Protein backbone atom coordinates (compact mmCIF):
# COMPACT_ATOMS: atom_id res chain seq x y z
CA UNK A 1 -68.10 32.79 -13.97
CA UNK A 2 -68.12 29.30 -15.46
CA UNK A 3 -67.28 26.60 -12.91
CA UNK A 4 -64.50 25.16 -15.10
CA UNK A 5 -62.85 28.59 -15.40
CA UNK A 6 -63.10 29.23 -11.66
CA UNK A 7 -61.77 25.79 -10.72
CA UNK A 8 -58.95 25.98 -13.26
CA UNK A 9 -57.90 29.33 -11.85
CA UNK A 10 -58.14 28.00 -8.31
CA UNK A 11 -56.09 24.92 -9.15
CA UNK A 12 -53.33 26.92 -10.81
CA UNK A 13 -53.35 29.44 -7.94
CA UNK A 14 -52.91 26.73 -5.31
CA UNK A 15 -50.22 25.04 -7.38
CA UNK A 16 -48.17 28.16 -7.96
CA UNK A 17 -48.61 29.52 -4.43
CA UNK A 18 -47.34 26.26 -2.98
CA UNK A 19 -44.47 26.10 -5.47
CA UNK A 20 -43.52 29.72 -4.82
CA UNK A 21 -42.66 28.91 -1.21
CA UNK A 22 -39.44 27.27 -2.39
CA UNK A 23 -37.78 29.14 -5.32
CA UNK A 24 -37.37 32.39 -3.33
CA UNK A 25 -35.65 30.45 -0.56
CA UNK A 26 -33.35 28.55 -2.93
CA UNK A 27 -32.43 31.70 -4.89
CA UNK A 28 -31.74 33.73 -1.76
CA UNK A 29 -29.99 30.88 0.02
CA UNK A 30 -27.81 30.32 -3.05
CA UNK A 31 -26.43 33.86 -2.71
CA UNK A 32 -25.63 33.26 0.96
CA UNK A 33 -23.91 29.95 0.14
CA UNK A 34 -21.68 31.75 -2.35
CA UNK A 35 -20.86 34.40 0.26
CA UNK A 36 -20.09 31.88 3.03
CA UNK A 37 -17.95 29.66 0.85
CA UNK A 38 -16.19 32.67 -0.65
CA UNK A 39 -15.36 33.92 2.83
CA UNK A 40 -13.97 30.49 3.68
CA UNK A 41 -11.70 30.55 0.65
CA UNK A 42 -10.51 34.04 1.52
CA UNK A 43 -10.05 33.68 5.28
CA UNK A 44 -9.50 29.90 5.66
CA UNK A 45 -11.69 30.18 8.73
CA UNK A 46 -13.17 26.75 9.39
CA UNK A 47 -16.36 28.26 10.82
CA UNK A 48 -17.39 29.55 7.39
CA UNK A 49 -16.80 26.10 5.92
CA UNK A 50 -18.97 24.44 8.55
CA UNK A 51 -21.73 26.96 8.01
CA UNK A 52 -21.55 26.56 4.23
CA UNK A 53 -21.88 22.78 4.55
CA UNK A 54 -24.83 23.11 6.91
CA UNK A 55 -26.77 25.52 4.73
CA UNK A 56 -26.01 23.41 1.66
CA UNK A 57 -27.92 20.54 3.27
CA UNK A 58 -30.87 22.86 3.89
CA UNK A 59 -30.61 24.09 0.30
CA UNK A 60 -30.87 20.50 -0.97
CA UNK A 61 -34.17 19.93 0.84
CA UNK A 62 -35.63 23.21 -0.45
CA UNK A 63 -34.45 22.59 -4.01
CA UNK A 64 -36.00 19.11 -4.10
CA UNK A 65 -39.42 20.39 -3.01
CA UNK A 66 -39.21 23.27 -5.47
CA UNK A 67 -38.64 20.92 -8.40
CA UNK A 68 -41.31 18.46 -7.29
CA UNK A 69 -43.96 21.16 -6.84
CA UNK A 70 -43.13 23.02 -10.04
CA UNK A 71 -43.39 20.26 -12.61
CA UNK A 72 -47.17 20.00 -12.46
CA UNK A 73 -47.64 23.66 -13.43
CA UNK A 74 -46.34 23.06 -16.93
CA UNK A 75 -48.72 20.15 -17.45
CA UNK A 76 -51.66 22.37 -16.55
CA UNK A 77 -51.02 24.54 -19.61
CA UNK A 78 -51.96 21.52 -21.71
CA UNK A 79 -54.72 20.08 -19.56
CA UNK A 80 -56.58 23.11 -18.17
CA UNK A 81 -55.42 25.95 -20.43
CA UNK A 82 -55.32 24.44 -23.92
CA UNK A 83 -56.84 27.47 -25.67
CA UNK A 84 -54.30 29.72 -23.97
CA UNK A 85 -51.46 27.46 -25.13
CA UNK A 86 -52.84 27.41 -28.65
CA UNK A 87 -53.15 31.18 -28.78
CA UNK A 88 -49.83 32.28 -27.25
CA UNK A 89 -47.81 29.07 -27.01
CA UNK A 90 -45.48 30.26 -29.78
CA UNK A 91 -44.40 33.12 -27.52
CA UNK A 92 -44.95 31.82 -24.00
CA UNK A 93 -43.18 28.55 -24.74
CA UNK A 94 -39.96 30.23 -25.87
CA UNK A 95 -38.82 31.60 -22.49
CA UNK A 96 -39.95 28.38 -20.79
CA UNK A 97 -37.77 26.39 -23.19
CA UNK A 98 -34.89 28.79 -22.55
CA UNK A 99 -35.41 28.31 -18.80
CA UNK A 100 -34.99 24.56 -19.20
CA UNK A 101 -31.94 24.82 -21.47
CA UNK A 102 -30.02 27.69 -19.90
CA UNK A 103 -31.14 27.59 -16.28
CA UNK A 104 -32.37 24.21 -15.08
CA UNK A 105 -29.62 22.19 -16.75
CA UNK A 106 -26.95 24.56 -15.39
CA UNK A 107 -28.43 24.43 -11.91
CA UNK A 108 -29.02 20.69 -11.78
CA UNK A 109 -25.76 19.90 -13.59
CA UNK A 110 -23.66 21.31 -10.76
CA UNK A 111 -26.05 20.39 -7.95
CA UNK A 112 -24.43 17.01 -7.31
CA UNK A 113 -21.01 18.65 -6.87
CA UNK A 114 -22.53 21.20 -4.53
CA UNK A 115 -24.27 18.61 -2.34
CA UNK A 116 -21.85 15.68 -2.44
CA UNK A 117 -18.54 17.03 -3.70
CA UNK A 118 -17.13 18.52 -0.50
CA UNK A 119 -14.54 15.75 -0.02
CA UNK A 120 -14.29 14.71 -3.66
CA UNK A 121 -13.21 17.85 -5.51
CA UNK A 122 -10.93 20.76 -4.73
CA UNK A 123 -12.25 23.73 -2.82
CA UNK A 124 -12.06 26.03 -5.84
CA UNK A 125 -13.98 23.60 -8.00
CA UNK A 126 -16.60 23.22 -5.30
CA UNK A 127 -16.91 26.99 -5.00
CA UNK A 128 -17.35 27.18 -8.78
CA UNK A 129 -20.16 24.62 -8.59
CA UNK A 130 -21.83 26.67 -5.82
CA UNK A 131 -21.65 29.76 -8.01
CA UNK A 132 -23.11 27.88 -10.99
CA UNK A 133 -26.04 26.53 -8.97
CA UNK A 134 -26.78 30.02 -7.64
CA UNK A 135 -26.44 31.46 -11.14
CA UNK A 136 -28.73 28.78 -12.57
CA UNK A 137 -31.38 29.61 -9.98
CA UNK A 138 -31.23 33.26 -11.04
CA UNK A 139 -31.38 32.33 -14.74
CA UNK A 140 -34.51 30.33 -13.97
CA UNK A 141 -36.08 33.36 -12.35
CA UNK A 142 -35.13 35.51 -15.35
CA UNK A 143 -36.92 33.35 -17.92
CA UNK A 144 -39.99 32.74 -15.79
CA UNK A 145 -40.34 36.48 -15.15
CA UNK A 146 -39.87 37.17 -18.87
CA UNK A 147 -42.77 34.83 -19.67
CA UNK A 148 -45.03 36.30 -17.01
CA UNK A 149 -44.07 39.89 -17.79
CA UNK A 150 -45.00 39.35 -21.42
CA UNK A 151 -48.47 38.36 -20.22
CA UNK A 152 -48.64 41.65 -18.32
CA UNK A 153 -47.22 43.95 -21.02
CA UNK A 154 -47.15 42.08 -24.37
CA UNK A 155 -44.62 43.24 -26.98
CA UNK A 156 -42.77 41.87 -30.02
CA UNK A 157 -45.77 40.00 -31.47
CA UNK A 158 -48.40 40.13 -34.16
CA UNK A 159 -51.88 38.61 -34.23
CA UNK A 160 -52.66 36.18 -37.02
CA UNK A 161 -55.67 33.97 -37.68
CA UNK A 162 -55.27 30.19 -37.75
CA UNK A 163 -58.30 27.99 -38.27
CA UNK A 164 -60.64 30.86 -37.55
CA UNK A 165 -59.00 31.64 -34.18
CA UNK A 166 -56.47 34.29 -33.24
CA UNK A 167 -52.89 33.37 -32.50
CA UNK A 168 -49.97 35.49 -31.29
CA UNK A 169 -46.77 35.08 -33.28
CA UNK A 170 -43.28 36.32 -32.39
CA UNK A 171 -41.89 39.04 -34.63
CA UNK A 172 -39.11 40.17 -32.25
CA UNK A 173 -37.72 37.86 -29.58
CA UNK A 174 -35.74 40.81 -28.19
CA UNK A 175 -38.96 42.77 -27.62
CA UNK A 176 -40.60 39.74 -26.06
CA UNK A 177 -37.75 39.38 -23.58
CA UNK A 178 -37.37 43.09 -22.89
CA UNK A 179 -41.04 43.95 -22.80
CA UNK A 180 -41.92 47.12 -20.82
CA UNK A 181 -42.24 45.41 -17.43
CA UNK A 182 -39.50 42.75 -17.52
CA UNK A 183 -36.60 44.60 -15.90
CA UNK A 184 -38.60 46.21 -13.10
CA UNK A 185 -40.45 43.02 -12.24
CA UNK A 186 -37.31 40.88 -12.46
CA UNK A 187 -35.35 43.20 -10.17
CA UNK A 188 -38.20 43.36 -7.66
CA UNK A 189 -38.74 39.60 -7.69
CA UNK A 190 -35.07 38.69 -7.29
CA UNK A 191 -34.73 41.18 -4.43
CA UNK A 192 -37.72 39.51 -2.79
CA UNK A 193 -36.00 36.15 -3.19
CA UNK A 194 -32.80 37.45 -1.62
CA UNK A 195 -34.83 38.83 1.26
CA UNK A 196 -36.62 35.50 1.75
CA UNK A 197 -33.34 33.59 1.84
CA UNK A 198 -31.71 36.15 4.13
CA UNK A 199 -34.52 36.18 6.70
CA UNK A 200 -34.58 32.39 6.69
CA UNK A 201 -30.89 32.23 7.65
CA UNK A 202 -31.33 35.13 10.07
CA UNK A 203 -34.23 33.34 11.75
CA UNK A 204 -32.37 30.08 12.29
CA UNK A 205 -29.15 31.83 13.29
CA UNK A 206 -31.00 34.03 15.80
CA UNK A 207 -32.61 30.92 17.28
CA UNK A 208 -29.19 29.28 17.69
CA UNK A 209 -27.79 32.41 19.35
CA UNK A 210 -30.72 32.64 21.76
CA UNK A 211 -30.23 28.96 22.62
CA UNK A 212 -26.44 29.45 22.83
CA UNK A 213 -25.86 26.68 20.26
CA UNK A 214 -23.27 26.79 17.46
CA UNK A 215 -22.89 30.41 18.50
CA UNK A 216 -19.76 31.43 16.58
CA UNK A 217 -21.02 30.04 13.29
CA UNK A 218 -24.52 31.39 13.86
CA UNK A 219 -23.20 34.90 14.46
CA UNK A 220 -21.17 34.82 11.24
CA UNK A 221 -24.10 33.51 9.20
CA UNK A 222 -26.30 36.16 10.79
CA UNK A 223 -23.97 38.98 9.73
CA UNK A 224 -23.62 37.68 6.16
CA UNK A 225 -27.38 37.32 5.82
CA UNK A 226 -27.96 40.74 7.34
CA UNK A 227 -25.82 42.31 4.62
CA UNK A 228 -27.69 40.39 1.90
CA UNK A 229 -31.02 41.42 3.43
CA UNK A 230 -30.02 45.07 3.63
CA UNK A 231 -29.07 45.10 -0.05
CA UNK A 232 -32.36 43.38 -0.91
CA UNK A 233 -34.49 45.90 0.98
CA UNK A 234 -32.84 48.83 -0.81
CA UNK A 235 -33.29 47.20 -4.22
CA UNK A 236 -36.90 46.31 -3.42
CA UNK A 237 -37.76 49.89 -2.47
CA UNK A 238 -36.28 51.29 -5.70
CA UNK A 239 -37.66 48.60 -8.00
CA UNK A 240 -41.07 48.75 -6.32
CA UNK A 241 -41.35 52.42 -7.19
CA UNK A 242 -40.33 51.96 -10.83
CA UNK A 243 -42.54 48.89 -11.19
CA UNK A 244 -45.58 50.82 -9.93
CA UNK A 245 -44.91 53.54 -12.49
CA UNK A 246 -44.75 50.92 -15.23
CA UNK A 247 -48.11 49.54 -14.06
CA UNK A 248 -49.56 53.06 -14.12
CA UNK A 249 -48.47 53.49 -17.74
CA UNK A 250 -49.42 50.11 -19.15
CA UNK A 251 -52.11 48.71 -16.80
CA UNK A 252 -54.14 51.65 -15.48
CA UNK A 253 -56.94 49.43 -14.14
CA UNK A 254 -54.47 47.46 -12.01
CA UNK A 255 -52.87 50.66 -10.72
CA UNK A 256 -56.24 52.14 -9.81
CA UNK A 257 -57.11 48.97 -7.89
CA UNK A 258 -53.73 48.88 -6.13
CA UNK A 259 -53.99 52.48 -4.95
CA UNK A 260 -57.77 52.67 -4.52
CA UNK A 261 -58.27 55.47 -7.04
CA UNK A 262 -62.01 55.82 -7.47
CA UNK A 263 -62.35 58.99 -9.58
CA UNK A 264 -60.05 60.13 -12.38
CA UNK A 265 -58.10 63.34 -11.97
CA UNK A 266 -55.03 64.96 -10.49
CA UNK A 267 -54.05 65.68 -6.89
CA UNK A 268 -54.72 62.06 -5.87
CA UNK A 269 -54.24 61.09 -2.23
CA UNK A 270 -51.92 58.32 -1.12
CA UNK A 271 -53.93 55.96 1.09
CA UNK A 272 -51.94 54.90 4.13
CA UNK A 273 -54.33 52.94 6.32
CA UNK A 274 -58.04 52.28 6.00
CA UNK A 275 -60.60 50.51 3.84
CA UNK A 276 -62.42 50.80 0.52
CA UNK A 277 -66.15 50.77 -0.02
CA UNK A 278 -66.94 47.62 -2.01
CA UNK A 279 -69.35 49.46 -4.33
CA UNK A 280 -68.16 53.06 -4.71
CA UNK A 281 -64.45 52.39 -4.01
CA UNK A 282 -64.35 55.45 -1.80
CA UNK A 283 -61.57 55.28 0.79
CA UNK A 284 -62.08 55.81 4.51
CA UNK A 285 -59.02 56.17 6.70
CA UNK A 286 -55.65 57.92 6.79
CA UNK A 287 -54.42 59.47 3.54
CA UNK A 288 -51.68 61.91 2.55
CA UNK A 289 -53.16 64.54 0.21
CA UNK A 290 -51.61 64.69 -3.26
CA UNK A 291 -48.77 62.27 -2.47
CA UNK A 292 -49.87 59.62 -4.97
CA UNK A 293 -49.64 62.17 -7.78
CA UNK A 294 -46.22 63.32 -6.61
CA UNK A 295 -44.89 59.75 -6.40
CA UNK A 296 -46.39 58.80 -9.76
CA UNK A 297 -45.79 61.89 -11.90
CA UNK A 298 -43.76 64.31 -9.81
CA UNK A 299 -46.56 66.88 -9.85
CA UNK A 300 -50.13 67.45 -8.66
CA UNK A 301 -51.82 68.13 -11.99
CA UNK A 302 -51.28 65.05 -14.18
CA UNK A 303 -54.49 62.99 -14.04
CA UNK A 304 -54.61 59.38 -12.89
CA UNK A 305 -57.36 57.17 -14.26
CA UNK A 306 -59.90 56.04 -11.67
CA UNK A 307 -61.93 52.86 -11.37
CA UNK A 308 -65.22 54.62 -12.11
CA UNK A 309 -63.96 55.42 -15.62
CA UNK A 310 -63.06 51.80 -16.33
CA UNK A 311 -65.82 49.48 -17.65
CA UNK A 312 -67.08 47.16 -14.93
CA UNK A 313 -66.21 44.04 -16.96
CA UNK A 314 -62.57 45.19 -17.28
CA UNK A 315 -61.94 45.93 -13.62
CA UNK A 316 -59.89 43.48 -11.56
CA UNK A 317 -61.17 42.26 -8.16
CA UNK A 318 -60.50 45.63 -6.58
CA UNK A 319 -60.65 44.87 -2.87
CA UNK A 320 -58.39 41.82 -3.14
CA UNK A 321 -55.80 43.77 -5.13
CA UNK A 322 -55.99 46.85 -2.90
CA UNK A 323 -55.58 45.02 0.41
CA UNK A 324 -52.93 42.62 -0.92
CA UNK A 325 -50.89 45.54 -2.21
CA UNK A 326 -51.12 47.54 1.00
CA UNK A 327 -50.36 44.62 3.31
CA UNK A 328 -47.32 43.88 1.13
CA UNK A 329 -46.20 47.50 1.57
CA UNK A 330 -46.70 47.32 5.35
CA UNK A 331 -44.57 44.19 5.54
CA UNK A 332 -41.88 45.78 3.41
CA UNK A 333 -41.74 48.88 5.60
CA UNK A 334 -41.58 46.73 8.75
CA UNK A 335 -38.65 44.75 7.33
CA UNK A 336 -36.82 47.94 6.37
CA UNK A 337 -37.23 49.21 9.93
CA UNK A 338 -36.04 45.88 11.35
CA UNK A 339 -32.92 45.83 9.20
CA UNK A 340 -32.11 49.47 10.01
CA UNK A 341 -32.37 48.72 13.75
CA UNK A 342 -30.15 45.66 13.29
CA UNK A 343 -27.57 47.66 11.34
CA UNK A 344 -27.54 50.34 14.04
CA UNK A 345 -27.14 47.69 16.74
CA UNK A 346 -24.30 46.06 14.80
CA UNK A 347 -22.52 49.41 14.55
CA UNK A 348 -23.03 49.97 18.29
CA UNK A 349 -21.75 46.47 19.11
CA UNK A 350 -25.04 45.36 20.70
CA UNK A 351 -26.46 43.25 17.88
CA UNK A 352 -26.31 39.94 19.75
CA UNK A 353 -27.14 41.29 23.21
CA UNK A 354 -30.67 42.47 22.36
CA UNK A 355 -32.70 39.34 22.90
CA UNK A 356 -35.94 41.01 21.84
CA UNK A 357 -34.38 41.86 18.48
CA UNK A 358 -33.19 38.29 17.99
CA UNK A 359 -36.67 36.99 18.77
CA UNK A 360 -38.12 39.36 16.18
CA UNK A 361 -35.67 37.94 13.63
CA UNK A 362 -36.75 34.40 14.55
CA UNK A 363 -40.31 35.30 13.56
CA UNK A 364 -39.31 37.42 10.58
CA UNK A 365 -38.90 34.34 8.38
CA UNK A 366 -42.62 34.45 7.55
CA UNK A 367 -42.72 38.10 6.50
CA UNK A 368 -41.02 37.89 3.06
CA UNK A 369 -42.93 34.72 2.22
CA UNK A 370 -46.24 36.42 2.93
CA UNK A 371 -45.15 39.54 1.03
CA UNK A 372 -44.01 37.45 -1.96
CA UNK A 373 -47.35 35.65 -2.10
CA UNK A 374 -49.24 38.93 -1.85
CA UNK A 375 -47.07 40.46 -4.57
CA UNK A 376 -47.91 37.55 -6.83
CA UNK A 377 -51.61 38.04 -6.02
CA UNK A 378 -51.41 41.73 -6.92
CA UNK A 379 -49.71 40.95 -10.23
CA UNK A 380 -52.07 38.15 -11.27
CA UNK A 381 -55.38 39.35 -9.86
CA UNK A 382 -54.63 42.87 -11.00
CA UNK A 383 -54.33 41.67 -14.60
CA UNK A 384 -57.83 40.20 -14.61
CA UNK A 385 -60.05 39.78 -16.56
CA UNK A 386 -57.14 39.35 -18.99
CA UNK A 387 -54.85 36.34 -19.02
CA UNK A 388 -52.69 38.14 -21.59
CA UNK A 389 -53.30 41.85 -21.21
CA UNK A 390 -55.27 43.25 -24.13
CA UNK A 391 -55.08 40.03 -26.16
CA UNK A 392 -56.98 37.24 -24.46
CA UNK A 393 -59.37 37.09 -21.51
CA UNK A 394 -59.11 34.39 -18.89
CA UNK A 395 -62.56 32.98 -19.61
CA UNK A 396 -61.51 32.28 -23.21
CA UNK A 397 -58.29 30.47 -22.28
CA UNK A 398 -59.50 27.28 -20.60
CA UNK A 399 -59.60 23.86 -22.22
CA UNK A 400 -63.07 23.35 -23.75
CA UNK A 401 -63.11 19.58 -23.24
CA UNK A 402 -62.22 19.44 -19.53
CA UNK A 403 -65.21 19.36 -17.20
CA UNK A 404 -65.57 21.04 -13.84
CA UNK A 405 -65.84 17.65 -12.14
CA UNK A 406 -62.52 16.50 -13.57
CA UNK A 407 -60.82 19.67 -12.45
CA UNK A 408 -62.30 19.34 -8.97
CA UNK A 409 -61.05 15.74 -8.69
CA UNK A 410 -57.51 16.71 -9.67
CA UNK A 411 -57.67 19.76 -7.39
CA UNK A 412 -58.49 17.53 -4.41
CA UNK A 413 -55.71 15.14 -5.37
CA UNK A 414 -53.18 17.97 -5.63
CA UNK A 415 -54.33 19.34 -2.30
CA UNK A 416 -53.71 16.03 -0.53
CA UNK A 417 -50.31 15.56 -2.18
CA UNK A 418 -49.22 19.09 -1.32
CA UNK A 419 -50.25 18.69 2.31
CA UNK A 420 -48.17 15.53 2.54
CA UNK A 421 -45.22 17.13 0.76
CA UNK A 422 -45.32 20.17 3.02
CA UNK A 423 -45.51 17.98 6.13
CA UNK A 424 -42.47 16.04 4.89
CA UNK A 425 -40.66 19.31 4.15
CA UNK A 426 -41.36 20.72 7.61
CA UNK A 427 -40.24 17.46 9.24
CA UNK A 428 -36.98 17.31 7.28
CA UNK A 429 -36.25 20.99 7.78
CA UNK A 430 -36.97 20.88 11.50
CA UNK A 431 -34.84 17.77 11.91
CA UNK A 432 -31.84 19.31 10.16
CA UNK A 433 -32.14 22.61 12.02
CA UNK A 434 -32.38 20.86 15.40
CA UNK A 435 -29.39 18.72 14.46
CA UNK A 436 -27.43 21.81 13.48
CA UNK A 437 -24.06 22.05 11.75
CA UNK A 438 -21.80 19.01 11.96
CA UNK A 439 -19.12 19.18 14.59
CA UNK A 440 -16.79 16.68 12.93
CA UNK A 441 -15.86 18.66 9.85
CA UNK A 442 -12.17 19.14 10.68
CA UNK A 443 -11.12 16.04 8.73
CA UNK A 444 -13.15 17.04 5.69
CA UNK A 445 -11.67 20.55 5.84
CA UNK A 446 -8.19 19.10 5.88
CA UNK A 447 -9.10 16.92 2.89
CA UNK A 448 -10.33 19.99 1.04
CA UNK A 449 -7.05 21.80 1.69
CA UNK A 450 -5.03 18.75 0.66
CA UNK A 451 -6.99 18.24 -2.58
CA UNK A 452 -6.43 21.88 -3.48
């Protein structure tokens, strides 16, 4: 592979992986903010108000880093991926423009009221601003997923020739938006975001409970987040199944890599735990005979295309996709088990007496983040060698005038900046968590009630 192509891919991967630490947290945390503030309005319990104010401060830090780390990605489409932008910019740019108009402006427009309006506007107006920020974050996810899903399963376009080069042109914006993979991928991604936000609040709340600090508020935040996390795990399981079936239909090479299918045919085994041979793709380990066929088609006879029947230059990096997919599944199953145990303990009245369970929740904050990153890796690596499936290959999408040395220089610069930004983020987050919720919120609560 050409050095410029490899470095451009590496730069964009590092950029998006760093950025993707923050949007899932802000989207998931936004849902929990709405729930906490809504419970305050309904119950007038001051504990919910204090918790909502505390998590709003955390949300502000996460949102700021998300915006700062995301801006550079759009510039890379012009600097590193000029031929890609020329070929599909007419289509890819539309959902990105919609994201800016319908999502970012809505989110940022009400952000000031959310962060600084507690004592300046009525409680209902502040709750409305919280809802709008959370809604804007979800709208942002919608349009970004639309753009990426179109790259996975293109629809609503035609290919024309401009200046001797191909160019994709929109013929149906509806089909672009509702391409075959949009709904499944959007549902799965948003559920992953909810799970990331929920486990983050669960982790901090469990730590407070174990340390016997801010206990009443921590227990209430824990229960709210547990409900959000339970909903997310159910949605993720359902959407994960439908999304895999969509991949099977539209991206057979990706599906074969995900499941480690070496030879085409029916009665395919579902690989549970083991490893693939790097050359033959034969699996060694624990498998359930025929289960992959049953999950995919509902029978044992319908054939599934194997890697050996796919041209070598059209196969994705099989081992990376296979292991990323399976580790993601393991993490998902572990989280489901954790939430089921927590739900059972809640029903039995022992949720906050099992210290081992609380310690597991403290560490669980990393699990959805790792799973989200692996899911992104499966989606993007599994699409290779295509940057837009069936239309344009990645090697043909880079900017012809940018040298490998220039990309390397900018990659090093981004790496240093991201390390500093992440260090600042960890410092600010740790400081605010150690500080905890404010204890002097009674006056501000009274002001809220008076203003209303």
